[in-house]
Amino acid sequence: MSGVGWNRRLLAFFSLLLVFVIGVVGGIWLQRAYGAGDLLRAAGVLPPRPENTARPTPTRTAVGLPAEFHGQLALFALAGQSNMSGWAPLPAEQTLHPRAFLFGNDYRWRLAQEPIDHPEGQVDRISLDQGSELGTSPGLAFANALLKDKPEMVVGLIPCAKGNTTLHEWRRNLGDDTLYGSCLKRMAAATTMGEVAGLLFFQGEADALNPEQYNDRILSAYDYGERFSQFVNDLRRDLARPNLPIIFAQIGSHASPEAFTNWAVVQAQQAAVSIPCVAMITTSDLPLRDGVHYTTESYQIIGERFAAAYFHLMKTQECE
């Protein structure tokens, strides 16, 4: 091979190497400057962040629970998928109640504020929601509504939800690397400061997906009612609370008919659930902010409906 040909090959090799190095360094810089998630969203691979996309970092309340409230909390687990985690812009101001507390994903108590499902310091990685650091949920509105009606209460919220999960993924499994097991573990850990008073559940969107498009997942549309009843029975047995109040939200509306082909089926299954000390709230009349998630104002109303349903159960049935 001539010296000229060899030099050309060396030049081509080093040119490719230089392009590769620039790409790697540039990618690292972009990741640090903007975050890979934002790049994927810009490319249309991931859905957009909530509308207040400036990535606000709310000042989180101080860690701790006043000694006067130790052992006094009425504890409520918040389970389900993204509409329970919270997926709407944070309000400009939040009304924080001095008797509403949060057992955070870091297993530490603090005054309750949105985002309830904040991932900072998350212990149970199984329910980590990367987008929920921005999201308003029904949680704080629920606590405030309870305390408006019963100002003597002290409320403790326990986030357990995980976005895009099916009812099959919430089946009984006591391992703390499962949704069911980790939620049960958190509830047990929180009981050093009070007693479990109920569970809120908002889930079903994933089970309404087109099974032909998602044939790698176990979806429960036509047997949703049966599987949900089993979930309730299992949870009550494991908590030794046969009449634990459970409020669940029926899935409301959506803007993706090609994806959610079994939406009406799941709605009908949910409406047919009939279990003592279990109540359903509706959400179909509330505005959405995207294809399946609600507006900040809608989550406020959902939280208030959860509270009203809870009080109705307590007044009309022997629940404990």
C-alpha atoms as a PDB file:
ATOM      1  CA  MET A   1       0.000   0.000   0.000  1.00  0.00           C
ATOM      2  CA  SER A   2       1.354   3.430  -0.859  1.00  0.00           C
ATOM      3  CA  GLY A   3       2.188   5.966   1.797  1.00  0.00           C
ATOM      4  CA  VAL A   4      -0.505   8.262   0.431  1.00  0.00           C
ATOM      5  CA  GLY A   5      -3.209   5.587   0.761  1.00  0.00           C
ATOM      6  CA  TRP A   6      -2.100   4.731   4.274  1.00  0.00           C
ATOM      7  CA  ASN A   7      -2.190   8.371   5.322  1.00  0.00           C
ATOM      8  CA  ARG A   8      -5.694   8.738   3.953  1.00  0.00           C
ATOM      9  CA  ARG A   9      -6.890   5.780   5.986  1.00  0.00           C
ATOM     10  CA  LEU A  10      -5.305   7.134   9.130  1.00  0.00           C
ATOM     11  CA  LEU A  11      -6.916  10.498   8.491  1.00  0.00           C
ATOM     12  CA  ALA A  12     -10.336   8.870   7.996  1.00  0.00           C
ATOM     13  CA  PHE A  13      -9.907   6.815  11.185  1.00  0.00           C
ATOM     14  CA  PHE A  14      -8.975   9.782  13.347  1.00  0.00           C
ATOM     15  CA  SER A  15     -11.774  11.851  11.821  1.00  0.00           C
ATOM     16  CA  LEU A  16     -14.317   9.211  12.851  1.00  0.00           C
ATOM     17  CA  LEU A  17     -12.734   8.966  16.297  1.00  0.00           C
ATOM     18  CA  LEU A  18     -12.970  12.736  16.721  1.00  0.00           C
ATOM     19  CA  VAL A  19     -16.655  12.730  15.739  1.00  0.00           C
ATOM     20  CA  PHE A  20     -17.318   9.940  18.250  1.00  0.00           C
ATOM     21  CA  VAL A  21     -15.552  11.768  21.092  1.00  0.00           C
ATOM     22  CA  ILE A  22     -17.379  15.012  20.303  1.00  0.00           C
ATOM     23  CA  GLY A  23     -20.678  13.125  20.309  1.00  0.00           C
ATOM     24  CA  VAL A  24     -20.003  11.488  23.673  1.00  0.00           C
ATOM     25  CA  VAL A  25     -18.817  14.714  25.312  1.00  0.00           C
ATOM     26  CA  GLY A  26     -21.711  16.641  23.805  1.00  0.00           C
ATOM     27  CA  GLY A  27     -24.191  14.060  24.975  1.00  0.00           C
ATOM     28  CA  ILE A  28     -22.864  14.200  28.525  1.00  0.00           C
ATOM     29  CA  TRP A  29     -23.052  17.983  28.475  1.00  0.00           C
ATOM     30  CA  LEU A  30     -26.626  17.941  27.171  1.00  0.00           C
ATOM     31  CA  GLN A  31     -27.640  15.367  29.752  1.00  0.00           C
ATOM     32  CA  ARG A  32     -26.264  17.499  32.568  1.00  0.00           C
ATOM     33  CA  ALA A  33     -27.594  20.739  31.189  1.00  0.00           C
ATOM     34  CA  TYR A  34     -31.064  19.634  30.161  1.00  0.00           C
ATOM     35  CA  GLY A  35     -31.674  16.041  31.263  1.00  0.00           C
ATOM     36  CA  ALA A  36     -32.165  13.065  28.984  1.00  0.00           C
ATOM     37  CA  GLY A  37     -35.877  13.080  29.690  1.00  0.00           C
ATOM     38  CA  ASP A  38     -36.262  16.522  28.171  1.00  0.00           C
ATOM     39  CA  LEU A  39     -34.344  15.475  25.070  1.00  0.00           C
ATOM     40  CA  LEU A  40     -36.635  12.493  24.572  1.00  0.00           C
ATOM     41  CA  ARG A  41     -39.678  14.702  25.079  1.00  0.00           C
ATOM     42  CA  ALA A  42     -38.379  17.178  22.530  1.00  0.00           C
ATOM     43  CA  ALA A  43     -37.997  14.323  20.064  1.00  0.00           C
ATOM     44  CA  GLY A  44     -41.543  13.161  20.721  1.00  0.00           C
ATOM     45  CA  VAL A  45     -40.458   9.868  22.294  1.00  0.00           C
ATOM     46  CA  LEU A  46     -41.799  10.775  25.751  1.00  0.00           C
ATOM     47  CA  PRO A  47     -44.946  12.781  26.597  1.00  0.00           C
ATOM     48  CA  PRO A  48     -44.447  16.447  27.503  1.00  0.00           C
ATOM     49  CA  ARG A  49     -43.945  17.526  31.073  1.00  0.00           C
ATOM     50  CA  PRO A  50     -46.849  19.248  32.832  1.00  0.00           C
ATOM     51  CA  GLU A  51     -47.502  22.745  31.546  1.00  0.00           C
ATOM     52  CA  ASN A  52     -45.421  24.519  34.186  1.00  0.00           C
ATOM     53  CA  THR A  53     -42.307  23.003  32.632  1.00  0.00           C
ATOM     54  CA  ALA A  54     -39.810  25.317  34.294  1.00  0.00           C
ATOM     55  CA  ARG A  55     -39.112  22.439  36.691  1.00  0.00           C
ATOM     56  CA  PRO A  56     -40.166  24.279  39.834  1.00  0.00           C
ATOM     57  CA  THR A  57     -38.554  23.011  42.999  1.00  0.00           C
ATOM     58  CA  PRO A  58     -41.068  23.776  45.745  1.00  0.00           C
ATOM     59  CA  THR A  59     -39.686  24.520  49.165  1.00  0.00           C
ATOM     60  CA  ARG A  60     -40.399  21.300  50.998  1.00  0.00           C
ATOM     61  CA  THR A  61     -41.704  21.405  54.520  1.00  0.00           C
ATOM     62  CA  ALA A  62     -39.393  20.562  57.384  1.00  0.00           C
ATOM     63  CA  VAL A  63     -39.079  16.917  58.344  1.00  0.00           C
ATOM     64  CA  GLY A  64     -40.732  15.915  61.575  1.00  0.00           C
ATOM     65  CA  LEU A  65     -43.996  15.259  63.368  1.00  0.00           C
ATOM     66  CA  PRO A  66     -44.924  17.225  66.501  1.00  0.00           C
ATOM     67  CA  ALA A  67     -44.756  15.062  69.613  1.00  0.00           C
ATOM     68  CA  GLU A  68     -48.332  15.984  70.507  1.00  0.00           C
ATOM     69  CA  PHE A  69     -49.549  14.096  67.423  1.00  0.00           C
ATOM     70  CA  HIS A  70     -47.525  10.923  67.927  1.00  0.00           C
ATOM     71  CA  GLY A  71     -49.868   7.949  67.808  1.00  0.00           C
ATOM     72  CA  GLN A  72     -52.848  10.142  66.882  1.00  0.00           C
ATOM     73  CA  LEU A  73     -52.820  10.058  63.085  1.00  0.00           C
ATOM     74  CA  ALA A  74     -55.609   8.673  60.902  1.00  0.00           C
ATOM     75  CA  LEU A  75     -53.562   7.082  58.112  1.00  0.00           C
ATOM     76  CA  PHE A  76     -54.669   6.846  54.480  1.00  0.00           C
ATOM     77  CA  ALA A  77     -52.727   4.990  51.780  1.00  0.00           C
ATOM     78  CA  LEU A  78     -52.897   6.472  48.274  1.00  0.00           C
ATOM     79  CA  ALA A  79     -52.599   3.667  45.708  1.00  0.00           C
ATOM     80  CA  GLY A  80     -53.176   3.184  41.982  1.00  0.00           C
ATOM     81  CA  GLN A  81     -51.496   4.681  38.941  1.00  0.00           C
ATOM     82  CA  SER A  82     -50.546   8.136  37.620  1.00  0.00           C
ATOM     83  CA  ASN A  83     -53.832   9.893  38.364  1.00  0.00           C
ATOM     84  CA  MET A  84     -53.208   9.086  42.022  1.00  0.00           C
ATOM     85  CA  SER A  85     -49.507   9.954  41.873  1.00  0.00           C
ATOM     86  CA  GLY A  86     -50.405  13.335  40.411  1.00  0.00           C
ATOM     87  CA  TRP A  87     -49.800  14.655  36.916  1.00  0.00           C
ATOM     88  CA  ALA A  88     -50.989  18.258  36.822  1.00  0.00           C
ATOM     89  CA  PRO A  89     -49.133  21.558  37.273  1.00  0.00           C
ATOM     90  CA  LEU A  90     -48.569  22.624  40.838  1.00  0.00           C
ATOM     91  CA  PRO A  91     -50.805  25.472  42.008  1.00  0.00           C
ATOM     92  CA  ALA A  92     -49.249  28.883  42.555  1.00  0.00           C
ATOM     93  CA  GLU A  93     -50.075  28.551  46.259  1.00  0.00           C
ATOM     94  CA  GLN A  94     -50.914  25.603  48.476  1.00  0.00           C
ATOM     95  CA  THR A  95     -53.063  25.579  51.580  1.00  0.00           C
ATOM     96  CA  LEU A  96     -51.082  23.542  54.108  1.00  0.00           C
ATOM     97  CA  HIS A  97     -52.962  22.368  57.159  1.00  0.00           C
ATOM     98  CA  PRO A  98     -51.069  22.066  60.455  1.00  0.00           C
ATOM     99  CA  ARG A  99     -52.812  18.730  61.130  1.00  0.00           C
ATOM    100  CA  ALA A 100     -52.154  17.098  57.729  1.00  0.00           C
ATOM    101  CA  PHE A 101     -48.904  15.136  57.394  1.00  0.00           C
ATOM    102  CA  LEU A 102     -47.133  13.067  54.782  1.00  0.00           C
ATOM    103  CA  PHE A 103     -45.208   9.825  55.245  1.00  0.00           C
ATOM    104  CA  GLY A 104     -42.981  10.495  52.267  1.00  0.00           C
ATOM    105  CA  ASN A 105     -41.321   8.113  49.860  1.00  0.00           C
ATOM    106  CA  ASP A 106     -38.212   8.638  51.996  1.00  0.00           C
ATOM    107  CA  TYR A 107     -40.085   7.154  55.018  1.00  0.00           C
ATOM    108  CA  ARG A 108     -39.927  10.463  56.868  1.00  0.00           C
ATOM    109  CA  TRP A 109     -42.771  12.505  58.226  1.00  0.00           C
ATOM    110  CA  ARG A 110     -43.366  16.111  57.185  1.00  0.00           C
ATOM    111  CA  LEU A 111     -46.242  18.534  56.811  1.00  0.00           C
ATOM    112  CA  ALA A 112     -48.279  17.434  53.789  1.00  0.00           C
ATOM    113  CA  GLN A 113     -47.836  19.377  50.575  1.00  0.00           C
ATOM    114  CA  GLU A 114     -47.954  18.655  46.870  1.00  0.00           C
ATOM    115  CA  PRO A 115     -46.338  16.880  45.197  1.00  0.00           C
ATOM    116  CA  ILE A 116     -47.428  14.173  47.621  1.00  0.00           C
ATOM    117  CA  ASP A 117     -45.610  11.495  45.606  1.00  0.00           C
ATOM    118  CA  HIS A 118     -42.287  13.363  45.452  1.00  0.00           C
ATOM    119  CA  PRO A 119     -39.507  10.897  44.493  1.00  0.00           C
ATOM    120  CA  GLU A 120     -36.716  12.506  46.528  1.00  0.00           C
ATOM    121  CA  GLY A 121     -35.069   9.899  48.745  1.00  0.00           C
ATOM    122  CA  GLN A 122     -37.413   7.163  47.492  1.00  0.00           C
ATOM    123  CA  VAL A 123     -36.871   3.941  49.432  1.00  0.00           C
ATOM    124  CA  ASP A 124     -39.144   1.581  47.507  1.00  0.00           C
ATOM    125  CA  ARG A 125     -37.911   1.883  43.925  1.00  0.00           C
ATOM    126  CA  ILE A 126     -40.775  -0.275  42.651  1.00  0.00           C
ATOM    127  CA  SER A 127     -43.144   2.718  42.823  1.00  0.00           C
ATOM    128  CA  LEU A 128     -40.747   5.434  41.681  1.00  0.00           C
ATOM    129  CA  ASP A 129     -42.508   7.963  39.427  1.00  0.00           C
ATOM    130  CA  GLN A 130     -39.935  10.216  37.799  1.00  0.00           C
ATOM    131  CA  GLY A 131     -42.513  12.752  36.633  1.00  0.00           C
ATOM    132  CA  SER A 132     -44.456  13.040  39.883  1.00  0.00           C
ATOM    133  CA  GLU A 133     -42.028  15.583  41.345  1.00  0.00           C
ATOM    134  CA  LEU A 134     -44.054  18.117  39.371  1.00  0.00           C
ATOM    135  CA  GLY A 135     -47.544  16.767  39.845  1.00  0.00           C
ATOM    136  CA  THR A 136     -50.589  17.828  41.783  1.00  0.00           C
ATOM    137  CA  SER A 137     -52.605  14.840  42.997  1.00  0.00           C
ATOM    138  CA  PRO A 138     -55.921  14.403  44.859  1.00  0.00           C
ATOM    139  CA  GLY A 139     -53.971  13.805  48.094  1.00  0.00           C
ATOM    140  CA  LEU A 140     -53.683  17.212  49.740  1.00  0.00           C
ATOM    141  CA  ALA A 141     -57.214  18.197  48.708  1.00  0.00           C
ATOM    142  CA  PHE A 142     -58.489  14.997  50.335  1.00  0.00           C
ATOM    143  CA  ALA A 143     -56.691  15.736  53.616  1.00  0.00           C
ATOM    144  CA  ASN A 144     -57.878  19.360  53.681  1.00  0.00           C
ATOM    145  CA  ALA A 145     -61.467  18.291  53.003  1.00  0.00           C
ATOM    146  CA  LEU A 146     -61.344  15.775  55.865  1.00  0.00           C
ATOM    147  CA  LEU A 147     -60.030  18.399  58.250  1.00  0.00           C
ATOM    148  CA  LYS A 148     -62.590  20.961  57.171  1.00  0.00           C
ATOM    149  CA  ASP A 149     -65.348  18.595  58.281  1.00  0.00           C
ATOM    150  CA  LYS A 150     -63.478  17.060  61.238  1.00  0.00           C
ATOM    151  CA  PRO A 151     -61.001  19.675  62.524  1.00  0.00           C
ATOM    152  CA  GLU A 152     -60.046  17.473  65.465  1.00  0.00           C
ATOM    153  CA  MET A 153     -58.522  14.828  63.179  1.00  0.00           C
ATOM    154  CA  VAL A 154     -54.836  14.481  62.451  1.00  0.00           C
ATOM    155  CA  VAL A 155     -54.339  13.049  58.956  1.00  0.00           C
ATOM    156  CA  GLY A 156     -51.377  11.071  57.634  1.00  0.00           C
ATOM    157  CA  LEU A 157     -51.010  10.377  53.902  1.00  0.00           C
ATOM    158  CA  ILE A 158     -48.988   7.418  52.592  1.00  0.00           C
ATOM    159  CA  PRO A 159     -48.187   7.548  48.845  1.00  0.00           C
ATOM    160  CA  CYS A 160     -47.972   4.128  47.143  1.00  0.00           C
ATOM    161  CA  ALA A 161     -49.084   4.774  43.544  1.00  0.00           C
ATOM    162  CA  LYS A 162     -47.126   4.009  40.397  1.00  0.00           C
ATOM    163  CA  GLY A 163     -47.944   5.318  36.931  1.00  0.00           C
ATOM    164  CA  ASN A 164     -48.986   3.019  34.070  1.00  0.00           C
ATOM    165  CA  THR A 165     -49.609   0.004  36.294  1.00  0.00           C
ATOM    166  CA  THR A 166     -52.242  -2.657  35.745  1.00  0.00           C
ATOM    167  CA  LEU A 167     -54.443  -4.308  38.333  1.00  0.00           C
ATOM    168  CA  HIS A 168     -52.417  -7.477  37.812  1.00  0.00           C
ATOM    169  CA  GLU A 169     -49.355  -5.579  39.034  1.00  0.00           C
ATOM    170  CA  TRP A 170     -51.265  -4.769  42.251  1.00  0.00           C
ATOM    171  CA  ARG A 171     -52.042  -8.419  43.002  1.00  0.00           C
ATOM    172  CA  ARG A 172     -51.068  -9.819  46.388  1.00  0.00           C
ATOM    173  CA  ASN A 173     -47.346 -10.356  46.805  1.00  0.00           C
ATOM    174  CA  LEU A 174     -45.740  -9.593  50.156  1.00  0.00           C
ATOM    175  CA  GLY A 175     -42.281  -8.901  48.745  1.00  0.00           C
ATOM    176  CA  ASP A 176     -41.272  -5.280  49.211  1.00  0.00           C
ATOM    177  CA  ASP A 177     -40.123  -5.233  45.584  1.00  0.00           C
ATOM    178  CA  THR A 178     -43.797  -5.410  44.523  1.00  0.00           C
ATOM    179  CA  LEU A 179     -46.419  -2.672  44.526  1.00  0.00           C
ATOM    180  CA  TYR A 180     -48.686  -4.542  46.928  1.00  0.00           C
ATOM    181  CA  GLY A 181     -45.908  -5.567  49.291  1.00  0.00           C
ATOM    182  CA  SER A 182     -44.184  -2.185  49.402  1.00  0.00           C
ATOM    183  CA  CYS A 183     -47.474  -0.397  50.057  1.00  0.00           C
ATOM    184  CA  LEU A 184     -48.257  -2.805  52.869  1.00  0.00           C
ATOM    185  CA  LYS A 185     -44.767  -2.241  54.290  1.00  0.00           C
ATOM    186  CA  ARG A 186     -45.186   1.542  54.228  1.00  0.00           C
ATOM    187  CA  MET A 187     -48.542   1.315  55.942  1.00  0.00           C
ATOM    188  CA  ALA A 188     -47.017  -0.859  58.670  1.00  0.00           C
ATOM    189  CA  ALA A 189     -44.077   1.533  59.101  1.00  0.00           C
ATOM    190  CA  ALA A 190     -46.418   4.514  59.390  1.00  0.00           C
ATOM    191  CA  THR A 191     -48.543   2.908  62.114  1.00  0.00           C
ATOM    192  CA  THR A 192     -45.996   3.879  64.758  1.00  0.00           C
ATOM    193  CA  MET A 193     -47.715   7.270  64.531  1.00  0.00           C
ATOM    194  CA  GLY A 194     -51.330   6.222  64.211  1.00  0.00           C
ATOM    195  CA  GLU A 195     -53.819   3.756  62.773  1.00  0.00           C
ATOM    196  CA  VAL A 196     -54.756   2.968  59.193  1.00  0.00           C
ATOM    197  CA  ALA A 197     -58.129   4.605  58.571  1.00  0.00           C
ATOM    198  CA  GLY A 198     -58.598   3.850  54.887  1.00  0.00           C
ATOM    199  CA  LEU A 199     -57.195   3.427  51.401  1.00  0.00           C
ATOM    200  CA  LEU A 200     -57.826   5.497  48.279  1.00  0.00           C
ATOM    201  CA  PHE A 201     -57.418   3.767  44.911  1.00  0.00           C
ATOM    202  CA  PHE A 202     -57.343   5.367  41.452  1.00  0.00           C
ATOM    203  CA  GLN A 203     -56.452   2.852  38.743  1.00  0.00           C
ATOM    204  CA  GLY A 204     -57.896   1.170  35.681  1.00  0.00           C
ATOM    205  CA  GLU A 205     -56.655   3.233  32.751  1.00  0.00           C
ATOM    206  CA  ALA A 206     -53.899   0.725  31.940  1.00  0.00           C
ATOM    207  CA  ASP A 207     -56.350  -2.184  31.971  1.00  0.00           C
ATOM    208  CA  ALA A 208     -58.472  -0.397  29.353  1.00  0.00           C
ATOM    209  CA  LEU A 209     -55.641  -0.488  26.795  1.00  0.00           C
ATOM    210  CA  ASN A 210     -56.049  -2.333  23.515  1.00  0.00           C
ATOM    211  CA  PRO A 211     -54.896  -5.901  24.308  1.00  0.00           C
ATOM    212  CA  GLU A 212     -53.802  -6.444  20.707  1.00  0.00           C
ATOM    213  CA  GLN A 213     -51.341  -3.571  20.952  1.00  0.00           C
ATOM    214  CA  TYR A 214     -50.168  -4.520  24.446  1.00  0.00           C
ATOM    215  CA  ASN A 215     -50.100  -8.301  24.252  1.00  0.00           C
ATOM    216  CA  ASP A 216     -46.998  -8.408  26.454  1.00  0.00           C
ATOM    217  CA  ARG A 217     -49.015  -7.188  29.457  1.00  0.00           C
ATOM    218  CA  ILE A 218     -51.683  -8.900  31.556  1.00  0.00           C
ATOM    219  CA  LEU A 219     -54.705  -6.623  31.276  1.00  0.00           C
ATOM    220  CA  SER A 220     -57.877  -7.014  33.318  1.00  0.00           C
ATOM    221  CA  ALA A 221     -60.802  -5.428  31.519  1.00  0.00           C
ATOM    222  CA  TYR A 222     -63.531  -8.082  31.478  1.00  0.00           C
ATOM    223  CA  ASP A 223     -62.611  -9.463  34.916  1.00  0.00           C
ATOM    224  CA  TYR A 224     -61.643  -6.154  36.534  1.00  0.00           C
ATOM    225  CA  GLY A 225     -64.401  -6.331  39.143  1.00  0.00           C
ATOM    226  CA  GLU A 226     -63.398  -9.806  40.262  1.00  0.00           C
ATOM    227  CA  ARG A 227     -59.714  -8.925  40.464  1.00  0.00           C
ATOM    228  CA  PHE A 228     -60.404  -5.684  42.329  1.00  0.00           C
ATOM    229  CA  SER A 229     -62.582  -7.523  44.851  1.00  0.00           C
ATOM    230  CA  GLN A 230     -59.721  -9.962  45.409  1.00  0.00           C
ATOM    231  CA  PHE A 231     -57.348  -7.045  45.949  1.00  0.00           C
ATOM    232  CA  VAL A 232     -59.690  -5.598  48.601  1.00  0.00           C
ATOM    233  CA  ASN A 233     -60.085  -8.945  50.367  1.00  0.00           C
ATOM    234  CA  ASP A 234     -56.344  -9.630  50.355  1.00  0.00           C
ATOM    235  CA  LEU A 235     -55.478  -6.197  51.702  1.00  0.00           C
ATOM    236  CA  ARG A 236     -58.032  -6.373  54.481  1.00  0.00           C
ATOM    237  CA  ARG A 237     -56.864  -9.821  55.501  1.00  0.00           C
ATOM    238  CA  ASP A 238     -53.207  -8.828  55.553  1.00  0.00           C
ATOM    239  CA  LEU A 239     -54.026  -5.742  57.630  1.00  0.00           C
ATOM    240  CA  ALA A 240     -56.391  -7.738  59.880  1.00  0.00           C
ATOM    241  CA  ARG A 241     -59.050  -5.111  59.103  1.00  0.00           C
ATOM    242  CA  PRO A 242     -62.079  -6.884  57.566  1.00  0.00           C
ATOM    243  CA  ASN A 243     -64.055  -3.641  57.221  1.00  0.00           C
ATOM    244  CA  LEU A 244     -61.309  -1.203  56.271  1.00  0.00           C
ATOM    245  CA  PRO A 245     -62.878   1.719  54.348  1.00  0.00           C
ATOM    246  CA  ILE A 246     -61.733   1.764  50.725  1.00  0.00           C
ATOM    247  CA  ILE A 247     -62.693   4.474  48.248  1.00  0.00           C
ATOM    248  CA  PHE A 248     -61.863   4.025  44.576  1.00  0.00           C
ATOM    249  CA  ALA A 249     -62.262   6.325  41.594  1.00  0.00           C
ATOM    250  CA  GLN A 250     -63.930   5.137  38.434  1.00  0.00           C
ATOM    251  CA  ILE A 251     -61.888   6.051  35.352  1.00  0.00           C
ATOM    252  CA  GLY A 252     -63.433   9.092  33.713  1.00  0.00           C
ATOM    253  CA  SER A 253     -62.802  10.140  30.131  1.00  0.00           C
ATOM    254  CA  HIS A 254     -59.928   9.988  27.661  1.00  0.00           C
ATOM    255  CA  ALA A 255     -58.788  11.325  24.292  1.00  0.00           C
ATOM    256  CA  SER A 256     -57.183   8.210  22.785  1.00  0.00           C
ATOM    257  CA  PRO A 257     -59.870   5.872  21.372  1.00  0.00           C
ATOM    258  CA  GLU A 258     -57.320   3.816  19.423  1.00  0.00           C
ATOM    259  CA  ALA A 259     -55.354   3.035  22.574  1.00  0.00           C
ATOM    260  CA  PHE A 260     -58.138   2.596  25.149  1.00  0.00           C
ATOM    261  CA  THR A 261     -60.451   0.190  23.354  1.00  0.00           C
ATOM    262  CA  ASN A 262     -61.769  -1.356  26.591  1.00  0.00           C
ATOM    263  CA  TRP A 263     -62.434   1.873  28.469  1.00  0.00           C
ATOM    264  CA  ALA A 264     -66.201   1.385  28.699  1.00  0.00           C
ATOM    265  CA  VAL A 265     -65.682  -2.232  29.768  1.00  0.00           C
ATOM    266  CA  VAL A 266     -63.521  -1.211  32.728  1.00  0.00           C
ATOM    267  CA  GLN A 267     -65.956   1.547  33.671  1.00  0.00           C
ATOM    268  CA  ALA A 268     -68.833  -0.942  33.704  1.00  0.00           C
ATOM    269  CA  GLN A 269     -66.827  -3.423  35.765  1.00  0.00           C
ATOM    270  CA  GLN A 270     -65.976  -0.725  38.301  1.00  0.00           C
ATOM    271  CA  ALA A 271     -69.581   0.466  38.527  1.00  0.00           C
ATOM    272  CA  ALA A 272     -70.709  -3.099  39.298  1.00  0.00           C
ATOM    273  CA  VAL A 273     -68.396  -3.512  42.316  1.00  0.00           C
ATOM    274  CA  SER A 274     -70.443  -4.113  45.446  1.00  0.00           C
ATOM    275  CA  ILE A 275     -68.411  -4.721  48.599  1.00  0.00           C
ATOM    276  CA  PRO A 276     -69.241  -3.604  52.152  1.00  0.00           C
ATOM    277  CA  CYS A 277     -67.339  -0.479  53.220  1.00  0.00           C
ATOM    278  CA  VAL A 278     -66.157   0.158  49.661  1.00  0.00           C
ATOM    279  CA  ALA A 279     -67.366   3.207  47.725  1.00  0.00           C
ATOM    280  CA  MET A 280     -66.782   4.523  44.220  1.00  0.00           C
ATOM    281  CA  ILE A 281     -66.511   8.131  43.096  1.00  0.00           C
ATOM    282  CA  THR A 282     -66.976   9.296  39.502  1.00  0.00           C
ATOM    283  CA  THR A 283     -64.638  11.537  37.526  1.00  0.00           C
ATOM    284  CA  SER A 284     -66.082  11.553  33.980  1.00  0.00           C
ATOM    285  CA  ASP A 285     -67.467  15.079  34.326  1.00  0.00           C
ATOM    286  CA  LEU A 286     -64.091  16.650  35.084  1.00  0.00           C
ATOM    287  CA  PRO A 287     -61.774  18.322  32.526  1.00  0.00           C
ATOM    288  CA  LEU A 288     -58.575  16.648  31.356  1.00  0.00           C
ATOM    289  CA  ARG A 289     -55.250  18.372  30.685  1.00  0.00           C
ATOM    290  CA  ASP A 290     -54.028  15.692  28.280  1.00  0.00           C
ATOM    291  CA  GLY A 291     -55.192  12.362  26.894  1.00  0.00           C
ATOM    292  CA  VAL A 292     -55.903  10.782  30.266  1.00  0.00           C
ATOM    293  CA  HIS A 293     -54.732  13.051  33.119  1.00  0.00           C
ATOM    294  CA  TYR A 294     -56.749  15.755  34.852  1.00  0.00           C
ATOM    295  CA  THR A 295     -56.249  19.460  35.442  1.00  0.00           C
ATOM    296  CA  THR A 296     -55.065  20.847  38.767  1.00  0.00           C
ATOM    297  CA  GLU A 297     -58.607  22.007  39.548  1.00  0.00           C
ATOM    298  CA  SER A 298     -60.011  18.578  38.671  1.00  0.00           C
ATOM    299  CA  TYR A 299     -57.640  16.855  41.101  1.00  0.00           C
ATOM    300  CA  GLN A 300     -58.858  19.265  43.786  1.00  0.00           C
ATOM    301  CA  ILE A 301     -62.444  18.141  43.166  1.00  0.00           C
ATOM    302  CA  ILE A 302     -61.441  14.470  43.064  1.00  0.00           C
ATOM    303  CA  GLY A 303     -59.788  14.823  46.477  1.00  0.00           C
ATOM    304  CA  GLU A 304     -62.924  16.426  47.876  1.00  0.00           C
ATOM    305  CA  ARG A 305     -65.056  13.629  46.434  1.00  0.00           C
ATOM    306  CA  PHE A 306     -62.820  11.029  48.045  1.00  0.00           C
ATOM    307  CA  ALA A 307     -63.350  12.754  51.405  1.00  0.00           C
ATOM    308  CA  ALA A 308     -67.123  13.023  50.972  1.00  0.00           C
ATOM    309  CA  ALA A 309     -67.356   9.326  50.051  1.00  0.00           C
ATOM    310  CA  TYR A 310     -65.257   8.391  53.069  1.00  0.00           C
ATOM    311  CA  PHE A 311     -67.491  10.313  55.454  1.00  0.00           C
ATOM    312  CA  HIS A 312     -70.596   8.832  53.833  1.00  0.00           C
ATOM    313  CA  LEU A 313     -69.251   5.320  54.364  1.00  0.00           C
ATOM    314  CA  MET A 314     -68.456   6.031  57.994  1.00  0.00           C
ATOM    315  CA  LYS A 315     -71.935   7.404  58.605  1.00  0.00           C
ATOM    316  CA  THR A 316     -73.941   4.721  56.770  1.00  0.00           C
ATOM    317  CA  GLN A 317     -71.966   1.516  57.303  1.00  0.00           C
ATOM    318  CA  GLU A 318     -70.094  -0.135  60.140  1.00  0.00           C
ATOM    319  CA  CYS A 319     -66.589   0.406  58.823  1.00  0.00           C
ATOM    320  CA  GLU A 320     -63.401   0.487  60.820  1.00  0.00           C
END
